[in-house]
PDB file of N, CA and C in Angstrom:
ATOM      1  N   MET A   1     101.157 109.299  85.727  1.00  0.00           N
ATOM      2  CA  MET A   1     101.976 110.173  86.542  1.00  0.00           C
ATOM      3  C   MET A   1     103.298 109.490  86.855  1.00  0.00           C
ATOM      4  N   SER A   2     104.355 110.206  86.682  1.00  0.00           N
ATOM      5  CA  SER A   2     105.687 109.664  86.920  1.00  0.00           C
ATOM      6  C   SER A   2     105.959 109.549  88.408  1.00  0.00           C
ATOM      7  N   LEU A   3     106.694 108.525  88.779  1.00  0.00           N
ATOM      8  CA  LEU A   3     107.088 108.371  90.169  1.00  0.00           C
ATOM      9  C   LEU A   3     108.351 109.149  90.477  1.00  0.00           C
ATOM     10  N   PHE A   4     108.981 109.704  89.462  1.00  0.00           N
ATOM     11  CA  PHE A   4     110.227 110.434  89.645  1.00  0.00           C
ATOM     12  C   PHE A   4     110.013 111.902  89.301  1.00  0.00           C
ATOM     13  N   TYR A   5     110.477 112.749  90.180  1.00  0.00           N
ATOM     14  CA  TYR A   5     110.333 114.187  90.007  1.00  0.00           C
ATOM     15  C   TYR A   5     111.713 114.824  89.886  1.00  0.00           C
ATOM     16  N   SER A   6     111.772 115.905  89.143  1.00  0.00           N
ATOM     17  CA  SER A   6     112.948 116.762  89.220  1.00  0.00           C
ATOM     18  C   SER A   6     112.730 117.621  90.462  1.00  0.00           C
ATOM     19  N   PRO A   7     113.788 118.242  90.990  1.00  0.00           N
ATOM     20  CA  PRO A   7     113.579 119.113  92.152  1.00  0.00           C
ATOM     21  C   PRO A   7     112.529 120.200  91.882  1.00  0.00           C
ATOM     22  N   GLN A   8     112.545 120.800  90.702  1.00  0.00           N
ATOM     23  CA  GLN A   8     111.571 121.846  90.395  1.00  0.00           C
ATOM     24  C   GLN A   8     110.159 121.296  90.320  1.00  0.00           C
ATOM     25  N   GLU A   9     110.006 120.114  89.743  1.00  0.00           N
ATOM     26  CA  GLU A   9     108.673 119.496  89.675  1.00  0.00           C
ATOM     27  C   GLU A   9     108.147 119.198  91.074  1.00  0.00           C
ATOM     28  N   LEU A  10     109.019 118.775  91.952  1.00  0.00           N
ATOM     29  CA  LEU A  10     108.612 118.487  93.325  1.00  0.00           C
ATOM     30  C   LEU A  10     108.197 119.763  94.043  1.00  0.00           C
ATOM     31  N   LEU A  11     108.971 120.844  93.870  1.00  0.00           N
ATOM     32  CA  LEU A  11     108.608 122.128  94.476  1.00  0.00           C
ATOM     33  C   LEU A  11     107.267 122.616  93.951  1.00  0.00           C
ATOM     34  N   THR A  12     107.058 122.490  92.655  1.00  0.00           N
ATOM     35  CA  THR A  12     105.800 122.913  92.049  1.00  0.00           C
ATOM     36  C   THR A  12     104.637 122.094  92.584  1.00  0.00           C
ATOM     37  N   THR A  13     104.818 120.791  92.683  1.00  0.00           N
ATOM     38  CA  THR A  13     103.770 119.916  93.195  1.00  0.00           C
ATOM     39  C   THR A  13     103.431 120.246  94.645  1.00  0.00           C
ATOM     40  N   LEU A  14     104.450 120.457  95.476  1.00  0.00           N
ATOM     41  CA  LEU A  14     104.196 120.798  96.877  1.00  0.00           C
ATOM     42  C   LEU A  14     103.443 122.117  96.993  1.00  0.00           C
ATOM     43  N   GLY A  15     103.843 123.106  96.217  1.00  0.00           N
ATOM     44  CA  GLY A  15     103.157 124.395  96.238  1.00  0.00           C
ATOM     45  C   GLY A  15     101.711 124.285  95.788  1.00  0.00           C
ATOM     46  N   GLU A  16     101.487 123.518  94.725  1.00  0.00           N
ATOM     47  CA  GLU A  16     100.122 123.322  94.225  1.00  0.00           C
ATOM     48  C   GLU A  16      99.262 122.618  95.258  1.00  0.00           C
ATOM     49  N   ARG A  17      99.818 121.603  95.909  1.00  0.00           N
ATOM     50  CA  ARG A  17      99.053 120.876  96.926  1.00  0.00           C
ATOM     51  C   ARG A  17      98.735 121.753  98.124  1.00  0.00           C
ATOM     52  N   ALA A  18      99.684 122.589  98.520  1.00  0.00           N
ATOM     53  CA  ALA A  18      99.431 123.517  99.624  1.00  0.00           C
ATOM     54  C   ALA A  18      98.297 124.469  99.239  1.00  0.00           C
ATOM     55  N   LYS A  19      98.316 124.952  98.009  1.00  0.00           N
ATOM     56  CA  LYS A  19      97.264 125.856  97.542  1.00  0.00           C
ATOM     57  C   LYS A  19      95.915 125.146  97.528  1.00  0.00           C
ATOM     58  N   GLU A  20      95.892 123.920  97.021  1.00  0.00           N
ATOM     59  CA  GLU A  20      94.645 123.146  96.997  1.00  0.00           C
ATOM     60  C   GLU A  20      94.116 122.921  98.405  1.00  0.00           C
ATOM     61  N   CYS A  21      94.997 122.628  99.332  1.00  0.00           N
ATOM     62  CA  CYS A  21      94.608 122.417 100.726  1.00  0.00           C
ATOM     63  C   CYS A  21      94.034 123.715 101.310  1.00  0.00           C
ATOM     64  N   ARG A  22      94.690 124.821 101.019  1.00  0.00           N
ATOM     65  CA  ARG A  22      94.222 126.118 101.505  1.00  0.00           C
ATOM     66  C   ARG A  22      92.850 126.436 100.942  1.00  0.00           C
ATOM     67  N   LEU A  23      92.681 126.253  99.639  1.00  0.00           N
ATOM     68  CA  LEU A  23      91.400 126.547  98.999  1.00  0.00           C
ATOM     69  C   LEU A  23      90.297 125.624  99.510  1.00  0.00           C
ATOM     70  N   ALA A  24      90.621 124.347  99.707  1.00  0.00           N
ATOM     71  CA  ALA A  24      89.632 123.388 100.208  1.00  0.00           C
ATOM     72  C   ALA A  24      89.133 123.767 101.600  1.00  0.00           C
ATOM     73  N   SER A  25      89.990 124.432 102.358  1.00  0.00           N
ATOM     74  CA  SER A  25      89.597 124.844 103.710  1.00  0.00           C
ATOM     75  C   SER A  25      88.950 126.229 103.713  1.00  0.00           C
ATOM     76  N   GLY A  26      88.837 126.843 102.516  1.00  0.00           N
ATOM     77  CA  GLY A  26      88.182 128.130 102.390  1.00  0.00           C
ATOM     78  C   GLY A  26      88.963 129.298 102.967  1.00  0.00           C
ATOM     79  N   ARG A  27      90.280 129.169 103.010  1.00  0.00           N
ATOM     80  CA  ARG A  27      91.118 130.223 103.603  1.00  0.00           C
ATOM     81  C   ARG A  27      91.796 131.050 102.525  1.00  0.00           C
ATOM     82  N   ARG A  28      92.005 132.301 102.839  1.00  0.00           N
ATOM     83  CA  ARG A  28      92.688 133.214 101.935  1.00  0.00           C
ATOM     84  C   ARG A  28      94.192 133.134 102.183  1.00  0.00           C
ATOM     85  N   GLN A  29      94.961 133.501 101.156  1.00  0.00           N
ATOM     86  CA  GLN A  29      96.412 133.491 101.284  1.00  0.00           C
ATOM     87  C   GLN A  29      96.876 134.349 102.449  1.00  0.00           C
ATOM     88  N   VAL A  30      96.294 135.511 102.583  1.00  0.00           N
ATOM     89  CA  VAL A  30      96.716 136.427 103.641  1.00  0.00           C
ATOM     90  C   VAL A  30      96.500 135.813 105.022  1.00  0.00           C
ATOM     91  N   ASP A  31      95.423 135.054 105.189  1.00  0.00           N
ATOM     92  CA  ASP A  31      95.142 134.427 106.482  1.00  0.00           C
ATOM     93  C   ASP A  31      96.114 133.292 106.797  1.00  0.00           C
ATOM     94  N   VAL A  32      96.416 132.486 105.786  1.00  0.00           N
ATOM     95  CA  VAL A  32      97.367 131.387 105.990  1.00  0.00           C
ATOM     96  C   VAL A  32      98.758 131.952 106.240  1.00  0.00           C
ATOM     97  N   ALA A  33      99.138 132.967 105.499  1.00  0.00           N
ATOM     98  CA  ALA A  33     100.452 133.583 105.700  1.00  0.00           C
ATOM     99  C   ALA A  33     100.573 134.118 107.123  1.00  0.00           C
ATOM    100  N   LYS A  34      99.538 134.765 107.606  1.00  0.00           N
ATOM    101  CA  LYS A  34      99.552 135.300 108.968  1.00  0.00           C
ATOM    102  C   LYS A  34      99.643 134.165 109.987  1.00  0.00           C
ATOM    103  N   SER A  35      98.838 133.125 109.809  1.00  0.00           N
ATOM    104  CA  SER A  35      98.880 131.971 110.725  1.00  0.00           C
ATOM    105  C   SER A  35     100.243 131.294 110.713  1.00  0.00           C
ATOM    106  N   ALA A  36     100.862 131.247 109.541  1.00  0.00           N
ATOM    107  CA  ALA A  36     102.167 130.595 109.395  1.00  0.00           C
ATOM    108  C   ALA A  36     103.309 131.484 109.866  1.00  0.00           C
ATOM    109  N   GLY A  37     103.038 132.777 110.000  1.00  0.00           N
ATOM    110  CA  GLY A  37     104.097 133.696 110.401  1.00  0.00           C
ATOM    111  C   GLY A  37     105.100 133.962 109.297  1.00  0.00           C
ATOM    112  N   VAL A  38     104.605 133.947 108.058  1.00  0.00           N
ATOM    113  CA  VAL A  38     105.474 134.234 106.906  1.00  0.00           C
ATOM    114  C   VAL A  38     104.860 135.382 106.112  1.00  0.00           C
ATOM    115  N   PRO A  39     105.678 136.136 105.394  1.00  0.00           N
ATOM    116  CA  PRO A  39     105.127 137.198 104.551  1.00  0.00           C
ATOM    117  C   PRO A  39     104.216 136.625 103.461  1.00  0.00           C
ATOM    118  N   LEU A  40     103.206 137.390 103.096  1.00  0.00           N
ATOM    119  CA  LEU A  40     102.287 136.972 102.037  1.00  0.00           C
ATOM    120  C   LEU A  40     103.050 136.665 100.754  1.00  0.00           C
ATOM    121  N   SER A  41     104.057 137.471 100.444  1.00  0.00           N
ATOM    122  CA  SER A  41     104.832 137.245  99.223  1.00  0.00           C
ATOM    123  C   SER A  41     105.536 135.889  99.245  1.00  0.00           C
ATOM    124  N   THR A  42     105.961 135.453 100.429  1.00  0.00           N
ATOM    125  CA  THR A  42     106.626 134.155 100.553  1.00  0.00           C
ATOM    126  C   THR A  42     105.641 133.022 100.316  1.00  0.00           C
ATOM    127  N   LEU A  43     104.440 133.140 100.879  1.00  0.00           N
ATOM    128  CA  LEU A  43     103.414 132.114 100.642  1.00  0.00           C
ATOM    129  C   LEU A  43     103.067 132.052  99.154  1.00  0.00           C
ATOM    130  N   LYS A  44     102.944 133.200  98.514  1.00  0.00           N
ATOM    131  CA  LYS A  44     102.646 133.222  97.080  1.00  0.00           C
ATOM    132  C   LYS A  44     103.752 132.539  96.280  1.00  0.00           C
ATOM    133  N   ARG A  45     105.002 132.813  96.653  1.00  0.00           N
ATOM    134  CA  ARG A  45     106.121 132.158  95.962  1.00  0.00           C
ATOM    135  C   ARG A  45     106.070 130.645  96.163  1.00  0.00           C
ATOM    136  N   PHE A  46     105.797 130.214  97.398  1.00  0.00           N
ATOM    137  CA  PHE A  46     105.715 128.773  97.684  1.00  0.00           C
ATOM    138  C   PHE A  46     104.602 128.124  96.870  1.00  0.00           C
ATOM    139  N   GLU A  47     103.422 128.717  96.885  1.00  0.00           N
ATOM    140  CA  GLU A  47     102.303 128.147  96.128  1.00  0.00           C
ATOM    141  C   GLU A  47     102.588 128.152  94.625  1.00  0.00           C
ATOM    142  N   GLY A  48     103.452 129.053  94.194  1.00  0.00           N
ATOM    143  CA  GLY A  48     103.810 129.122  92.778  1.00  0.00           C
ATOM    144  C   GLY A  48     104.947 128.199  92.379  1.00  0.00           C
ATOM    145  N   GLY A  49     105.494 127.453  93.338  1.00  0.00           N
ATOM    146  CA  GLY A  49     106.541 126.483  93.017  1.00  0.00           C
ATOM    147  C   GLY A  49     107.951 127.008  93.139  1.00  0.00           C
ATOM    148  N   THR A  50     108.094 128.183  93.757  1.00  0.00           N
ATOM    149  CA  THR A  50     109.430 128.739  93.952  1.00  0.00           C
ATOM    150  C   THR A  50     110.071 128.107  95.185  1.00  0.00           C
ATOM    151  N   ASN A  51     111.378 127.967  95.136  1.00  0.00           N
ATOM    152  CA  ASN A  51     112.112 127.378  96.248  1.00  0.00           C
ATOM    153  C   ASN A  51     112.041 128.303  97.462  1.00  0.00           C
ATOM    154  N   VAL A  52     111.538 127.778  98.558  1.00  0.00           N
ATOM    155  CA  VAL A  52     111.525 128.487  99.837  1.00  0.00           C
ATOM    156  C   VAL A  52     112.186 127.580 100.857  1.00  0.00           C
ATOM    157  N   GLY A  53     112.537 128.112 101.994  1.00  0.00           N
ATOM    158  CA  GLY A  53     113.190 127.304 103.020  1.00  0.00           C
ATOM    159  C   GLY A  53     112.261 126.262 103.621  1.00  0.00           C
ATOM    160  N   LEU A  54     112.866 125.222 104.159  1.00  0.00           N
ATOM    161  CA  LEU A  54     112.084 124.163 104.793  1.00  0.00           C
ATOM    162  C   LEU A  54     111.280 124.705 105.965  1.00  0.00           C
ATOM    163  N   ASP A  55     111.804 125.734 106.646  1.00  0.00           N
ATOM    164  CA  ASP A  55     111.048 126.318 107.749  1.00  0.00           C
ATOM    165  C   ASP A  55     109.737 126.915 107.252  1.00  0.00           C
ATOM    166  N   VAL A  56     109.722 127.482 106.050  1.00  0.00           N
ATOM    167  CA  VAL A  56     108.485 128.018 105.477  1.00  0.00           C
ATOM    168  C   VAL A  56     107.518 126.881 105.181  1.00  0.00           C
ATOM    169  N   VAL A  57     108.018 125.816 104.603  1.00  0.00           N
ATOM    170  CA  VAL A  57     107.169 124.659 104.305  1.00  0.00           C
ATOM    171  C   VAL A  57     106.566 124.118 105.602  1.00  0.00           C
ATOM    172  N   ALA A  58     107.371 124.009 106.649  1.00  0.00           N
ATOM    173  CA  ALA A  58     106.878 123.509 107.930  1.00  0.00           C
ATOM    174  C   ALA A  58     105.829 124.452 108.518  1.00  0.00           C
ATOM    175  N   ARG A  59     106.070 125.738 108.452  1.00  0.00           N
ATOM    176  CA  ARG A  59     105.122 126.716 108.994  1.00  0.00           C
ATOM    177  C   ARG A  59     103.791 126.669 108.247  1.00  0.00           C
ATOM    178  N   VAL A  60     103.856 126.565 106.924  1.00  0.00           N
ATOM    179  CA  VAL A  60     102.630 126.493 106.128  1.00  0.00           C
ATOM    180  C   VAL A  60     101.899 125.183 106.414  1.00  0.00           C
ATOM    181  N   ALA A  61     102.634 124.092 106.532  1.00  0.00           N
ATOM    182  CA  ALA A  61     102.009 122.806 106.853  1.00  0.00           C
ATOM    183  C   ALA A  61     101.276 122.896 108.194  1.00  0.00           C
ATOM    184  N   LEU A  62     101.904 123.505 109.181  1.00  0.00           N
ATOM    185  CA  LEU A  62     101.256 123.672 110.487  1.00  0.00           C
ATOM    186  C   LEU A  62     100.007 124.545 110.366  1.00  0.00           C
ATOM    187  N   ALA A  63     100.096 125.634 109.623  1.00  0.00           N
ATOM    188  CA  ALA A  63      98.958 126.539 109.457  1.00  0.00           C
ATOM    189  C   ALA A  63      97.789 125.865 108.748  1.00  0.00           C
ATOM    190  N   LEU A  64      98.108 124.904 107.872  1.00  0.00           N
ATOM    191  CA  LEU A  64      97.069 124.198 107.124  1.00  0.00           C
ATOM    192  C   LEU A  64      96.642 122.893 107.794  1.00  0.00           C
ATOM    193  N   GLY A  65      97.244 122.575 108.938  1.00  0.00           N
ATOM    194  CA  GLY A  65      96.906 121.328 109.620  1.00  0.00           C
ATOM    195  C   GLY A  65      97.442 120.098 108.910  1.00  0.00           C
ATOM    196  N   ALA A  66      98.519 120.259 108.170  1.00  0.00           N
ATOM    197  CA  ALA A  66      99.096 119.155 107.391  1.00  0.00           C
ATOM    198  C   ALA A  66     100.440 118.714 107.954  1.00  0.00           C
ATOM    199  N   GLU A  67     100.697 119.025 109.221  1.00  0.00           N
ATOM    200  CA  GLU A  67     101.998 118.687 109.798  1.00  0.00           C
ATOM    201  C   GLU A  67     102.258 117.187 109.859  1.00  0.00           C
ATOM    202  N   ARG A  68     101.218 116.392 110.024  1.00  0.00           N
ATOM    203  CA  ARG A  68     101.403 114.937 110.059  1.00  0.00           C
ATOM    204  C   ARG A  68     101.937 114.433 108.728  1.00  0.00           C
ATOM    205  N   ASP A  69     101.407 114.992 107.644  1.00  0.00           N
ATOM    206  CA  ASP A  69     101.884 114.599 106.315  1.00  0.00           C
ATOM    207  C   ASP A  69     103.351 114.953 106.137  1.00  0.00           C
ATOM    208  N   LEU A  70     103.733 116.136 106.597  1.00  0.00           N
ATOM    209  CA  LEU A  70     105.131 116.554 106.493  1.00  0.00           C
ATOM    210  C   LEU A  70     106.028 115.694 107.377  1.00  0.00           C
ATOM    211  N   ALA A  71     105.552 115.371 108.574  1.00  0.00           N
ATOM    212  CA  ALA A  71     106.340 114.540 109.490  1.00  0.00           C
ATOM    213  C   ALA A  71     106.561 113.132 108.934  1.00  0.00           C
ATOM    214  N   ASN A  72     105.694 112.702 108.037  1.00  0.00           N
ATOM    215  CA  ASN A  72     105.819 111.370 107.430  1.00  0.00           C
ATOM    216  C   ASN A  72     106.568 111.393 106.108  1.00  0.00           C
ATOM    217  N   LEU A  73     107.290 112.472 105.859  1.00  0.00           N
ATOM    218  CA  LEU A  73     107.994 112.620 104.587  1.00  0.00           C
ATOM    219  C   LEU A  73     109.047 111.537 104.363  1.00  0.00           C
ATOM    220  N   PHE A  74     109.824 111.228 105.375  1.00  0.00           N
ATOM    221  CA  PHE A  74     110.886 110.229 105.241  1.00  0.00           C
ATOM    222  C   PHE A  74     110.565 109.033 106.128  1.00  0.00           C
ATOM    223  N   VAL A  75     109.682 108.191 105.661  1.00  0.00           N
ATOM    224  CA  VAL A  75     109.269 107.019 106.416  1.00  0.00           C
ATOM    225  C   VAL A  75     110.257 105.890 106.146  1.00  0.00           C
ATOM    226  N   VAL A  76     110.754 105.294 107.212  1.00  0.00           N
ATOM    227  CA  VAL A  76     111.686 104.177 107.087  1.00  0.00           C
ATOM    228  C   VAL A  76     110.881 102.937 106.698  1.00  0.00           C
ATOM    229  N   PRO A  77     111.280 102.267 105.619  1.00  0.00           N
ATOM    230  CA  PRO A  77     110.550 101.064 105.212  1.00  0.00           C
ATOM    231  C   PRO A  77     110.614  99.996 106.296  1.00  0.00           C
ATOM    232  N   GLU A  78     109.552  99.218 106.367  1.00  0.00           N
ATOM    233  CA  GLU A  78     109.525  98.137 107.345  1.00  0.00           C
ATOM    234  C   GLU A  78     110.584  97.098 106.991  1.00  0.00           C
ATOM    235  N   ALA A  79     111.130  96.491 108.035  1.00  0.00           N
ATOM    236  CA  ALA A  79     112.117  95.436 107.829  1.00  0.00           C
ATOM    237  C   ALA A  79     111.426  94.216 107.231  1.00  0.00           C
ATOM    238  N   GLY A  80     112.088  93.590 106.264  1.00  0.00           N
ATOM    239  CA  GLY A  80     111.524  92.417 105.616  1.00  0.00           C
ATOM    240  C   GLY A  80     111.839  91.127 106.350  1.00  0.00           C
ATOM    241  N   SER A  81     112.830  91.196 107.240  1.00  0.00           N
ATOM    242  CA  SER A  81     113.205  89.998 107.981  1.00  0.00           C
ATOM    243  C   SER A  81     113.793  90.405 109.325  1.00  0.00           C
ATOM    244  N   MET A  82     113.931  89.439 110.190  1.00  0.00           N
ATOM    245  CA  MET A  82     114.542  89.686 111.500  1.00  0.00           C
ATOM    246  C   MET A  82     115.993  90.122 111.323  1.00  0.00           C
ATOM    247  N   ASP A  83     116.679  89.572 110.336  1.00  0.00           N
ATOM    248  CA  ASP A  83     118.068  89.968 110.075  1.00  0.00           C
ATOM    249  C   ASP A  83     118.159  91.453 109.717  1.00  0.00           C
ATOM    250  N   GLU A  84     117.240  91.938 108.878  1.00  0.00           N
ATOM    251  CA  GLU A  84     117.231  93.359 108.522  1.00  0.00           C
ATOM    252  C   GLU A  84     116.962  94.226 109.754  1.00  0.00           C
ATOM    253  N   LEU A  85     116.040  93.797 110.585  1.00  0.00           N
ATOM    254  CA  LEU A  85     115.714  94.541 111.798  1.00  0.00           C
ATOM    255  C   LEU A  85     116.921  94.622 112.730  1.00  0.00           C
ATOM    256  N   LEU A  86     117.617  93.513 112.906  1.00  0.00           N
ATOM    257  CA  LEU A  86     118.803  93.497 113.755  1.00  0.00           C
ATOM    258  C   LEU A  86     119.918  94.359 113.173  1.00  0.00           C
ATOM    259  N   GLU A  87     120.081  94.332 111.852  1.00  0.00           N
ATOM    260  CA  GLU A  87     121.108  95.147 111.204  1.00  0.00           C
ATOM    261  C   GLU A  87     120.815  96.636 111.377  1.00  0.00           C
ATOM    262  N   ARG A  88     119.558  97.031 111.230  1.00  0.00           N
ATOM    263  CA  ARG A  88     119.192  98.440 111.452  1.00  0.00           C
ATOM    264  C   ARG A  88     119.483  98.858 112.882  1.00  0.00           C
ATOM    265  N   ASN A  89     119.144  98.001 113.813  1.00  0.00           N
ATOM    266  CA  ASN A  89     119.386  98.311 115.220  1.00  0.00           C
ATOM    267  C   ASN A  89     120.886  98.435 115.485  1.00  0.00           C
ATOM    268  N   ARG A  90     121.686  97.558 114.895  1.00  0.00           N
ATOM    269  CA  ARG A  90     123.136  97.614 115.057  1.00  0.00           C
ATOM    270  C   ARG A  90     123.681  98.935 114.497  1.00  0.00           C
ATOM    271  N   ARG A  91     123.202  99.353 113.327  1.00  0.00           N
ATOM    272  CA  ARG A  91     123.647 100.615 112.727  1.00  0.00           C
ATOM    273  C   ARG A  91     123.248 101.806 113.588  1.00  0.00           C
ATOM    274  N   ARG A  92     122.039 101.755 114.134  1.00  0.00           N
ATOM    275  CA  ARG A  92     121.549 102.856 114.949  1.00  0.00           C
ATOM    276  C   ARG A  92     122.402 103.002 116.203  1.00  0.00           C
ATOM    277  N   ILE A  93     122.738 101.905 116.838  1.00  0.00           N
ATOM    278  CA  ILE A  93     123.554 101.950 118.053  1.00  0.00           C
ATOM    279  C   ILE A  93     124.956 102.417 117.722  1.00  0.00           C
ATOM    280  N   ARG A  94     125.533 101.901 116.647  1.00  0.00           N
ATOM    281  CA  ARG A  94     126.877 102.274 116.253  1.00  0.00           C
ATOM    282  C   ARG A  94     126.953 103.749 115.853  1.00  0.00           C
ATOM    283  N   GLY A  95     125.872 104.277 115.284  1.00  0.00           N
ATOM    284  CA  GLY A  95     125.859 105.654 114.822  1.00  0.00           C
ATOM    285  C   GLY A  95     125.678 106.689 115.910  1.00  0.00           C
ATOM    286  N   LYS A  96     125.319 106.273 117.124  1.00  0.00           N
ATOM    287  CA  LYS A  96     125.100 107.227 118.210  1.00  0.00           C
ATOM    288  C   LYS A  96     126.415 107.757 118.725  1.00  0.00           C
ATOM    289  N   ARG A  97     126.387 109.038 119.047  1.00  0.00           N
ATOM    290  CA  ARG A  97     127.580 109.669 119.614  1.00  0.00           C
ATOM    291  C   ARG A  97     127.378 109.817 121.109  1.00  0.00           C
ATOM    292  N   PRO A  98     128.463 109.720 121.877  1.00  0.00           N
ATOM    293  CA  PRO A  98     128.324 109.905 123.312  1.00  0.00           C
ATOM    294  C   PRO A  98     127.877 111.320 123.635  1.00  0.00           C
ATOM    295  N   ALA A  99     127.065 111.450 124.693  1.00  0.00           N
ATOM    296  CA  ALA A  99     126.534 112.769 125.080  1.00  0.00           C
ATOM    297  C   ALA A  99     127.574 113.619 125.768  1.00  0.00           C
TER     298      ALA A  99
END
């Protein structure tokens, strides 16, 4: 399996995994769509690998109990040294805007 995806391959993989998760939990598409608050046609498109909005992905993840996985999508790598940790902290402080 390749570690690199095209955008379409990634969409297809996410849709397939959502479908597998739904099937593993014994739920029908119509039930997940209702729980997610999205039209059935939108859930079908998502499971089929079609581009849908991030809000749809988040809603489906919540309906399937997979929100933790989605929340961990962009995990910041651990610092390898104290210097890296201090540099990240410096960037974070510098990047903040006044309220």
